[in-house]
Amino acid sequence: MFPLHVEVVGSIAALLTTLCWLPQTLRAVRSRDTASLSLSTFAVFVAGIVLWLVYGILIGSWPVILANVFSLGLNLTIVVQKLRHG
C-alpha cells in the first residue's frame, strides 16, 4: 500500500505519541491524584482517539489501529481514575 519508509515513519510516530501517555497513566493510577486533570479534555480526546481508530480500521493501517487501541486504553484508564478519585 505505502512504501516501507512511509510505514516506518508512521509506526515510529504512533509509538511515540502512544507511549507519551504511559507516565501520566501510571502517575494517575499510583497516586490517585487527578485533581489537576480536566475530565472534559480527556472525554473529547478519547472521542478523537475512537474516531482515529475507526479511521485506521477503514483505511486498514495497522500503525494507526494499534497506536489508537493502546492510546484508548491508557486514556480510558486516566478517565476512570478521574471519575473514581476526582
PDB file of N, CA and C in Angstrom:
ATOM      1  N   MET A   1       0.833  -1.184   0.000  1.00  0.00           N
ATOM      2  CA  MET A   1       0.000   0.000   0.000  1.00  0.00           C
ATOM      3  C   MET A   1       0.878   1.248   0.000  1.00  0.00           C
ATOM      4  N   PHE A   2       1.630   1.478   1.079  1.00  0.00           N
ATOM      5  CA  PHE A   2       2.568   2.592   1.146  1.00  0.00           C
ATOM      6  C   PHE A   2       3.978   2.023   1.111  1.00  0.00           C
ATOM      7  N   PRO A   3       4.935   2.799   0.622  1.00  0.00           N
ATOM      8  CA  PRO A   3       6.333   2.335   0.686  1.00  0.00           C
ATOM      9  C   PRO A   3       6.749   2.091   2.133  1.00  0.00           C
ATOM     10  N   LEU A   4       7.698   1.201   2.307  1.00  0.00           N
ATOM     11  CA  LEU A   4       8.149   0.795   3.640  1.00  0.00           C
ATOM     12  C   LEU A   4       8.590   1.981   4.490  1.00  0.00           C
ATOM     13  N   HIS A   5       9.322   2.919   3.922  1.00  0.00           N
ATOM     14  CA  HIS A   5       9.810   4.052   4.729  1.00  0.00           C
ATOM     15  C   HIS A   5       8.661   4.910   5.258  1.00  0.00           C
ATOM     16  N   VAL A   6       7.573   4.975   4.527  1.00  0.00           N
ATOM     17  CA  VAL A   6       6.401   5.722   4.991  1.00  0.00           C
ATOM     18  C   VAL A   6       5.776   5.000   6.183  1.00  0.00           C
ATOM     19  N   GLU A   7       5.667   3.687   6.101  1.00  0.00           N
ATOM     20  CA  GLU A   7       5.112   2.897   7.197  1.00  0.00           C
ATOM     21  C   GLU A   7       6.007   2.964   8.435  1.00  0.00           C
ATOM     22  N   VAL A   8       7.321   3.000   8.231  1.00  0.00           N
ATOM     23  CA  VAL A   8       8.254   3.093   9.362  1.00  0.00           C
ATOM     24  C   VAL A   8       8.077   4.435  10.070  1.00  0.00           C
ATOM     25  N   VAL A   9       7.997   5.510   9.307  1.00  0.00           N
ATOM     26  CA  VAL A   9       7.792   6.837   9.915  1.00  0.00           C
ATOM     27  C   VAL A   9       6.474   6.857  10.680  1.00  0.00           C
ATOM     28  N   GLY A  10       5.419   6.340  10.088  1.00  0.00           N
ATOM     29  CA  GLY A  10       4.120   6.286  10.755  1.00  0.00           C
ATOM     30  C   GLY A  10       4.152   5.429  12.006  1.00  0.00           C
ATOM     31  N   SER A  11       4.861   4.329  11.941  1.00  0.00           N
ATOM     32  CA  SER A  11       4.953   3.437  13.100  1.00  0.00           C
ATOM     33  C   SER A  11       5.717   4.086  14.248  1.00  0.00           C
ATOM     34  N   ILE A  12       6.813   4.768  13.935  1.00  0.00           N
ATOM     35  CA  ILE A  12       7.586   5.450  14.979  1.00  0.00           C
ATOM     36  C   ILE A  12       6.770   6.581  15.594  1.00  0.00           C
ATOM     37  N   ALA A  13       6.080   7.349  14.761  1.00  0.00           N
ATOM     38  CA  ALA A  13       5.228   8.426  15.264  1.00  0.00           C
ATOM     39  C   ALA A  13       4.126   7.866  16.160  1.00  0.00           C
ATOM     40  N   ALA A  14       3.514   6.785  15.730  1.00  0.00           N
ATOM     41  CA  ALA A  14       2.449   6.159  16.520  1.00  0.00           C
ATOM     42  C   ALA A  14       2.984   5.655  17.855  1.00  0.00           C
ATOM     43  N   LEU A  15       4.159   5.059  17.842  1.00  0.00           N
ATOM     44  CA  LEU A  15       4.762   4.550  19.066  1.00  0.00           C
ATOM     45  C   LEU A  15       5.038   5.684  20.054  1.00  0.00           C
ATOM     46  N   LEU A  16       5.635   6.755  19.562  1.00  0.00           N
ATOM     47  CA  LEU A  16       5.973   7.875  20.444  1.00  0.00           C
ATOM     48  C   LEU A  16       4.741   8.569  21.007  1.00  0.00           C
ATOM     49  N   THR A  17       3.734   8.827  20.170  1.00  0.00           N
ATOM     50  CA  THR A  17       2.547   9.528  20.662  1.00  0.00           C
ATOM     51  C   THR A  17       1.696   8.648  21.562  1.00  0.00           C
ATOM     52  N   THR A  18       1.840   7.345  21.430  1.00  0.00           N
ATOM     53  CA  THR A  18       1.133   6.436  22.328  1.00  0.00           C
ATOM     54  C   THR A  18       1.864   6.326  23.660  1.00  0.00           C
ATOM     55  N   LEU A  19       3.159   6.127  23.603  1.00  0.00           N
ATOM     56  CA  LEU A  19       3.938   5.955  24.837  1.00  0.00           C
ATOM     57  C   LEU A  19       3.982   7.216  25.689  1.00  0.00           C
ATOM     58  N   CYS A  20       3.747   8.372  25.092  1.00  0.00           N
ATOM     59  CA  CYS A  20       3.787   9.605  25.888  1.00  0.00           C
ATOM     60  C   CYS A  20       2.719   9.598  26.982  1.00  0.00           C
ATOM     61  N   TRP A  21       1.666   8.800  26.822  1.00  0.00           N
ATOM     62  CA  TRP A  21       0.598   8.734  27.824  1.00  0.00           C
ATOM     63  C   TRP A  21       0.901   7.770  28.958  1.00  0.00           C
ATOM     64  N   LEU A  22       1.902   6.943  28.791  1.00  0.00           N
ATOM     65  CA  LEU A  22       2.207   5.955  29.822  1.00  0.00           C
ATOM     66  C   LEU A  22       2.605   6.588  31.162  1.00  0.00           C
ATOM     67  N   PRO A  23       3.505   7.573  31.193  1.00  0.00           N
ATOM     68  CA  PRO A  23       3.842   8.171  32.505  1.00  0.00           C
ATOM     69  C   PRO A  23       2.634   8.810  33.205  1.00  0.00           C
ATOM     70  N   GLN A  24       1.786   9.500  32.456  1.00  0.00           N
ATOM     71  CA  GLN A  24       0.608  10.133  33.068  1.00  0.00           C
ATOM     72  C   GLN A  24      -0.351   9.083  33.601  1.00  0.00           C
ATOM     73  N   THR A  25      -0.534   8.010  32.850  1.00  0.00           N
ATOM     74  CA  THR A  25      -1.425   6.935  33.289  1.00  0.00           C
ATOM     75  C   THR A  25      -0.894   6.286  34.556  1.00  0.00           C
ATOM     76  N   LEU A  26       0.391   5.966  34.559  1.00  0.00           N
ATOM     77  CA  LEU A  26       0.989   5.348  35.754  1.00  0.00           C
ATOM     78  C   LEU A  26       0.885   6.271  36.956  1.00  0.00           C
ATOM     79  N   ARG A  27       1.120   7.547  36.750  1.00  0.00           N
ATOM     80  CA  ARG A  27       1.029   8.507  37.859  1.00  0.00           C
ATOM     81  C   ARG A  27      -0.399   8.583  38.398  1.00  0.00           C
ATOM     82  N   ALA A  28      -1.377   8.627  37.497  1.00  0.00           N
ATOM     83  CA  ALA A  28      -2.777   8.707  37.929  1.00  0.00           C
ATOM     84  C   ALA A  28      -3.196   7.461  38.700  1.00  0.00           C
ATOM     85  N   VAL A  29      -2.733   6.304  38.258  1.00  0.00           N
ATOM     86  CA  VAL A  29      -3.091   5.055  38.935  1.00  0.00           C
ATOM     87  C   VAL A  29      -2.390   4.953  40.284  1.00  0.00           C
ATOM     88  N   ARG A  30      -1.117   5.275  40.321  1.00  0.00           N
ATOM     89  CA  ARG A  30      -0.348   5.136  41.572  1.00  0.00           C
ATOM     90  C   ARG A  30      -0.728   6.168  42.624  1.00  0.00           C
ATOM     91  N   SER A  31      -0.867   7.414  42.206  1.00  0.00           N
ATOM     92  CA  SER A  31      -1.106   8.485  43.182  1.00  0.00           C
ATOM     93  C   SER A  31      -2.590   8.723  43.454  1.00  0.00           C
ATOM     94  N   ARG A  32      -3.432   8.308  42.535  1.00  0.00           N
ATOM     95  CA  ARG A  32      -4.873   8.585  42.596  1.00  0.00           C
ATOM     96  C   ARG A  32      -5.161  10.081  42.653  1.00  0.00           C
ATOM     97  N   ASP A  33      -4.195  10.870  42.253  1.00  0.00           N
ATOM     98  CA  ASP A  33      -4.349  12.328  42.233  1.00  0.00           C
ATOM     99  C   ASP A  33      -4.624  12.777  40.802  1.00  0.00           C
ATOM    100  N   THR A  34      -5.867  13.078  40.541  1.00  0.00           N
ATOM    101  CA  THR A  34      -6.260  13.528  39.203  1.00  0.00           C
ATOM    102  C   THR A  34      -6.939  14.898  39.258  1.00  0.00           C
ATOM    103  N   ALA A  35      -6.802  15.570  40.372  1.00  0.00           N
ATOM    104  CA  ALA A  35      -7.482  16.858  40.558  1.00  0.00           C
ATOM    105  C   ALA A  35      -7.104  17.882  39.493  1.00  0.00           C
ATOM    106  N   SER A  36      -5.868  17.841  39.037  1.00  0.00           N
ATOM    107  CA  SER A  36      -5.430  18.844  38.064  1.00  0.00           C
ATOM    108  C   SER A  36      -5.746  18.450  36.624  1.00  0.00           C
ATOM    109  N   LEU A  37      -6.329  17.283  36.421  1.00  0.00           N
ATOM    110  CA  LEU A  37      -6.657  16.832  35.069  1.00  0.00           C
ATOM    111  C   LEU A  37      -8.094  17.205  34.722  1.00  0.00           C
ATOM    112  N   SER A  38      -8.289  17.675  33.504  1.00  0.00           N
ATOM    113  CA  SER A  38      -9.609  18.088  33.044  1.00  0.00           C
ATOM    114  C   SER A  38     -10.368  16.907  32.453  1.00  0.00           C
ATOM    115  N   LEU A  39     -11.485  16.558  33.086  1.00  0.00           N
ATOM    116  CA  LEU A  39     -12.307  15.460  32.585  1.00  0.00           C
ATOM    117  C   LEU A  39     -12.852  15.770  31.199  1.00  0.00           C
ATOM    118  N   SER A  40     -13.286  16.992  30.971  1.00  0.00           N
ATOM    119  CA  SER A  40     -13.838  17.325  29.654  1.00  0.00           C
ATOM    120  C   SER A  40     -12.771  17.221  28.559  1.00  0.00           C
ATOM    121  N   THR A  41     -11.553  17.616  28.865  1.00  0.00           N
ATOM    122  CA  THR A  41     -10.469  17.485  27.882  1.00  0.00           C
ATOM    123  C   THR A  41     -10.226  16.020  27.549  1.00  0.00           C
ATOM    124  N   PHE A  42     -10.156  15.184  28.571  1.00  0.00           N
ATOM    125  CA  PHE A  42      -9.928  13.761  28.322  1.00  0.00           C
ATOM    126  C   PHE A  42     -11.111  13.119  27.609  1.00  0.00           C
ATOM    127  N   ALA A  43     -12.335  13.546  27.907  1.00  0.00           N
ATOM    128  CA  ALA A  43     -13.507  12.996  27.229  1.00  0.00           C
ATOM    129  C   ALA A  43     -13.465  13.317  25.729  1.00  0.00           C
ATOM    130  N   VAL A  44     -13.136  14.552  25.397  1.00  0.00           N
ATOM    131  CA  VAL A  44     -13.035  14.939  23.988  1.00  0.00           C
ATOM    132  C   VAL A  44     -11.871  14.208  23.324  1.00  0.00           C
ATOM    133  N   PHE A  45     -10.757  14.099  24.035  1.00  0.00           N
ATOM    134  CA  PHE A  45      -9.596  13.409  23.481  1.00  0.00           C
ATOM    135  C   PHE A  45      -9.904  11.939  23.216  1.00  0.00           C
ATOM    136  N   VAL A  46     -10.572  11.275  24.144  1.00  0.00           N
ATOM    137  CA  VAL A  46     -10.940   9.871  23.966  1.00  0.00           C
ATOM    138  C   VAL A  46     -11.874   9.723  22.764  1.00  0.00           C
ATOM    139  N   ALA A  47     -12.808  10.645  22.592  1.00  0.00           N
ATOM    140  CA  ALA A  47     -13.687  10.600  21.415  1.00  0.00           C
ATOM    141  C   ALA A  47     -12.862  10.720  20.130  1.00  0.00           C
ATOM    142  N   GLY A  48     -11.866  11.589  20.151  1.00  0.00           N
ATOM    143  CA  GLY A  48     -10.978  11.721  18.996  1.00  0.00           C
ATOM    144  C   GLY A  48     -10.191  10.449  18.727  1.00  0.00           C
ATOM    145  N   ILE A  49      -9.715   9.804  19.788  1.00  0.00           N
ATOM    146  CA  ILE A  49      -8.987   8.542  19.631  1.00  0.00           C
ATOM    147  C   ILE A  49      -9.897   7.488  19.005  1.00  0.00           C
ATOM    148  N   VAL A  50     -11.132   7.426  19.453  1.00  0.00           N
ATOM    149  CA  VAL A  50     -12.081   6.465  18.882  1.00  0.00           C
ATOM    150  C   VAL A  50     -12.254   6.721  17.383  1.00  0.00           C
ATOM    151  N   LEU A  51     -12.375   7.984  17.006  1.00  0.00           N
ATOM    152  CA  LEU A  51     -12.522   8.304  15.585  1.00  0.00           C
ATOM    153  C   LEU A  51     -11.261   7.957  14.796  1.00  0.00           C
ATOM    154  N   TRP A  52     -10.078   8.219  15.364  1.00  0.00           N
ATOM    155  CA  TRP A  52      -8.835   7.821  14.705  1.00  0.00           C
ATOM    156  C   TRP A  52      -8.775   6.299  14.560  1.00  0.00           C
ATOM    157  N   LEU A  53      -9.241   5.578  15.560  1.00  0.00           N
ATOM    158  CA  LEU A  53      -9.268   4.119  15.494  1.00  0.00           C
ATOM    159  C   LEU A  53     -10.176   3.653  14.365  1.00  0.00           C
ATOM    160  N   VAL A  54     -11.361   4.232  14.283  1.00  0.00           N
ATOM    161  CA  VAL A  54     -12.295   3.886  13.195  1.00  0.00           C
ATOM    162  C   VAL A  54     -11.656   4.206  11.839  1.00  0.00           C
ATOM    163  N   TYR A  55     -11.022   5.365  11.736  1.00  0.00           N
ATOM    164  CA  TYR A  55     -10.337   5.748  10.503  1.00  0.00           C
ATOM    165  C   TYR A  55      -9.256   4.729  10.144  1.00  0.00           C
ATOM    166  N   GLY A  56      -8.449   4.349  11.124  1.00  0.00           N
ATOM    167  CA  GLY A  56      -7.400   3.360  10.880  1.00  0.00           C
ATOM    168  C   GLY A  56      -7.960   2.043  10.387  1.00  0.00           C
ATOM    169  N   ILE A  57      -9.076   1.624  10.966  1.00  0.00           N
ATOM    170  CA  ILE A  57      -9.732   0.383  10.525  1.00  0.00           C
ATOM    171  C   ILE A  57     -10.232   0.535   9.088  1.00  0.00           C
ATOM    172  N   LEU A  58     -10.849   1.666   8.790  1.00  0.00           N
ATOM    173  CA  LEU A  58     -11.390   1.889   7.445  1.00  0.00           C
ATOM    174  C   LEU A  58     -10.310   1.903   6.366  1.00  0.00           C
ATOM    175  N   ILE A  59      -9.138   2.458   6.693  1.00  0.00           N
ATOM    176  CA  ILE A  59      -8.071   2.503   5.686  1.00  0.00           C
ATOM    177  C   ILE A  59      -7.127   1.305   5.804  1.00  0.00           C
ATOM    178  N   GLY A  60      -7.319   0.487   6.825  1.00  0.00           N
ATOM    179  CA  GLY A  60      -6.507  -0.707   7.003  1.00  0.00           C
ATOM    180  C   GLY A  60      -5.069  -0.428   7.384  1.00  0.00           C
ATOM    181  N   SER A  61      -4.846   0.608   8.184  1.00  0.00           N
ATOM    182  CA  SER A  61      -3.493   0.978   8.597  1.00  0.00           C
ATOM    183  C   SER A  61      -3.198   0.439   9.991  1.00  0.00           C
ATOM    184  N   TRP A  62      -2.356  -0.593  10.069  1.00  0.00           N
ATOM    185  CA  TRP A  62      -2.047  -1.200  11.348  1.00  0.00           C
ATOM    186  C   TRP A  62      -1.351  -0.258  12.315  1.00  0.00           C
ATOM    187  N   PRO A  63      -0.435   0.612  11.860  1.00  0.00           N
ATOM    188  CA  PRO A  63       0.150   1.557  12.814  1.00  0.00           C
ATOM    189  C   PRO A  63      -0.907   2.465  13.449  1.00  0.00           C
ATOM    190  N   VAL A  64      -1.861   2.936  12.664  1.00  0.00           N
ATOM    191  CA  VAL A  64      -2.923   3.805  13.187  1.00  0.00           C
ATOM    192  C   VAL A  64      -3.834   3.010  14.122  1.00  0.00           C
ATOM    193  N   ILE A  65      -4.172   1.805  13.734  1.00  0.00           N
ATOM    194  CA  ILE A  65      -5.057   0.969  14.551  1.00  0.00           C
ATOM    195  C   ILE A  65      -4.409   0.650  15.896  1.00  0.00           C
ATOM    196  N   LEU A  66      -3.200   0.112  15.860  1.00  0.00           N
ATOM    197  CA  LEU A  66      -2.543  -0.305  17.102  1.00  0.00           C
ATOM    198  C   LEU A  66      -2.259   0.875  18.027  1.00  0.00           C
ATOM    199  N   ALA A  67      -1.783   1.973  17.461  1.00  0.00           N
ATOM    200  CA  ALA A  67      -1.499   3.146  18.291  1.00  0.00           C
ATOM    201  C   ALA A  67      -2.756   3.630  18.997  1.00  0.00           C
ATOM    202  N   ASN A  68      -3.861   3.628  18.297  1.00  0.00           N
ATOM    203  CA  ASN A  68      -5.083   4.145  18.896  1.00  0.00           C
ATOM    204  C   ASN A  68      -5.744   3.161  19.843  1.00  0.00           C
ATOM    205  N   VAL A  69      -5.556   1.880  19.637  1.00  0.00           N
ATOM    206  CA  VAL A  69      -6.047   0.899  20.610  1.00  0.00           C
ATOM    207  C   VAL A  69      -5.318   1.102  21.938  1.00  0.00           C
ATOM    208  N   PHE A  70      -3.989   1.232  21.884  1.00  0.00           N
ATOM    209  CA  PHE A  70      -3.224   1.425  23.113  1.00  0.00           C
ATOM    210  C   PHE A  70      -3.480   2.800  23.727  1.00  0.00           C
ATOM    211  N   SER A  71      -3.550   3.836  22.899  1.00  0.00           N
ATOM    212  CA  SER A  71      -3.852   5.178  23.419  1.00  0.00           C
ATOM    213  C   SER A  71      -5.218   5.205  24.083  1.00  0.00           C
ATOM    214  N   LEU A  72      -6.173   4.524  23.472  1.00  0.00           N
ATOM    215  CA  LEU A  72      -7.516   4.467  24.043  1.00  0.00           C
ATOM    216  C   LEU A  72      -7.483   3.796  25.414  1.00  0.00           C
ATOM    217  N   GLY A  73      -6.756   2.693  25.522  1.00  0.00           N
ATOM    218  CA  GLY A  73      -6.650   2.003  26.801  1.00  0.00           C
ATOM    219  C   GLY A  73      -6.016   2.871  27.877  1.00  0.00           C
ATOM    220  N   LEU A  74      -4.927   3.541  27.532  1.00  0.00           N
ATOM    221  CA  LEU A  74      -4.250   4.399  28.506  1.00  0.00           C
ATOM    222  C   LEU A  74      -5.123   5.571  28.926  1.00  0.00           C
ATOM    223  N   ASN A  75      -5.760   6.217  27.958  1.00  0.00           N
ATOM    224  CA  ASN A  75      -6.568   7.396  28.279  1.00  0.00           C
ATOM    225  C   ASN A  75      -7.873   7.036  28.976  1.00  0.00           C
ATOM    226  N   LEU A  76      -8.452   5.896  28.654  1.00  0.00           N
ATOM    227  CA  LEU A  76      -9.641   5.456  29.402  1.00  0.00           C
ATOM    228  C   LEU A  76      -9.277   5.141  30.844  1.00  0.00           C
ATOM    229  N   THR A  77      -8.078   4.627  31.063  1.00  0.00           N
ATOM    230  CA  THR A  77      -7.613   4.376  32.428  1.00  0.00           C
ATOM    231  C   THR A  77      -7.541   5.685  33.207  1.00  0.00           C
ATOM    232  N   ILE A  78      -7.039   6.731  32.571  1.00  0.00           N
ATOM    233  CA  ILE A  78      -6.977   8.045  33.220  1.00  0.00           C
ATOM    234  C   ILE A  78      -8.388   8.560  33.505  1.00  0.00           C
ATOM    235  N   VAL A  79      -9.303   8.403  32.551  1.00  0.00           N
ATOM    236  CA  VAL A  79     -10.689   8.853  32.741  1.00  0.00           C
ATOM    237  C   VAL A  79     -11.325   8.105  33.910  1.00  0.00           C
ATOM    238  N   VAL A  80     -11.110   6.807  33.989  1.00  0.00           N
ATOM    239  CA  VAL A  80     -11.667   6.018  35.097  1.00  0.00           C
ATOM    240  C   VAL A  80     -11.092   6.503  36.427  1.00  0.00           C
ATOM    241  N   GLN A  81      -9.789   6.754  36.470  1.00  0.00           N
ATOM    242  CA  GLN A  81      -9.181   7.279  37.689  1.00  0.00           C
ATOM    243  C   GLN A  81      -9.765   8.639  38.057  1.00  0.00           C
ATOM    244  N   LYS A  82      -9.991   9.478  37.054  1.00  0.00           N
ATOM    245  CA  LYS A  82     -10.570  10.795  37.296  1.00  0.00           C
ATOM    246  C   LYS A  82     -11.985  10.657  37.869  1.00  0.00           C
ATOM    247  N   LEU A  83     -12.773   9.756  37.324  1.00  0.00           N
ATOM    248  CA  LEU A  83     -14.134   9.548  37.808  1.00  0.00           C
ATOM    249  C   LEU A  83     -14.145   8.974  39.225  1.00  0.00           C
ATOM    250  N   ARG A  84     -13.202   8.105  39.531  1.00  0.00           N
ATOM    251  CA  ARG A  84     -13.132   7.486  40.846  1.00  0.00           C
ATOM    252  C   ARG A  84     -12.600   8.431  41.924  1.00  0.00           C
ATOM    253  N   HIS A  85     -11.569   9.191  41.561  1.00  0.00           N
ATOM    254  CA  HIS A  85     -10.837   9.943  42.580  1.00  0.00           C
ATOM    255  C   HIS A  85     -10.927  11.450  42.405  1.00  0.00           C
ATOM    256  N   GLY A  86     -11.631  11.891  41.392  1.00  0.00           N
ATOM    257  CA  GLY A  86     -11.866  13.325  41.189  1.00  0.00           C
ATOM    258  C   GLY A  86     -10.652  14.077  40.841  1.00  0.00           C
TER     259      GLY A  86
END
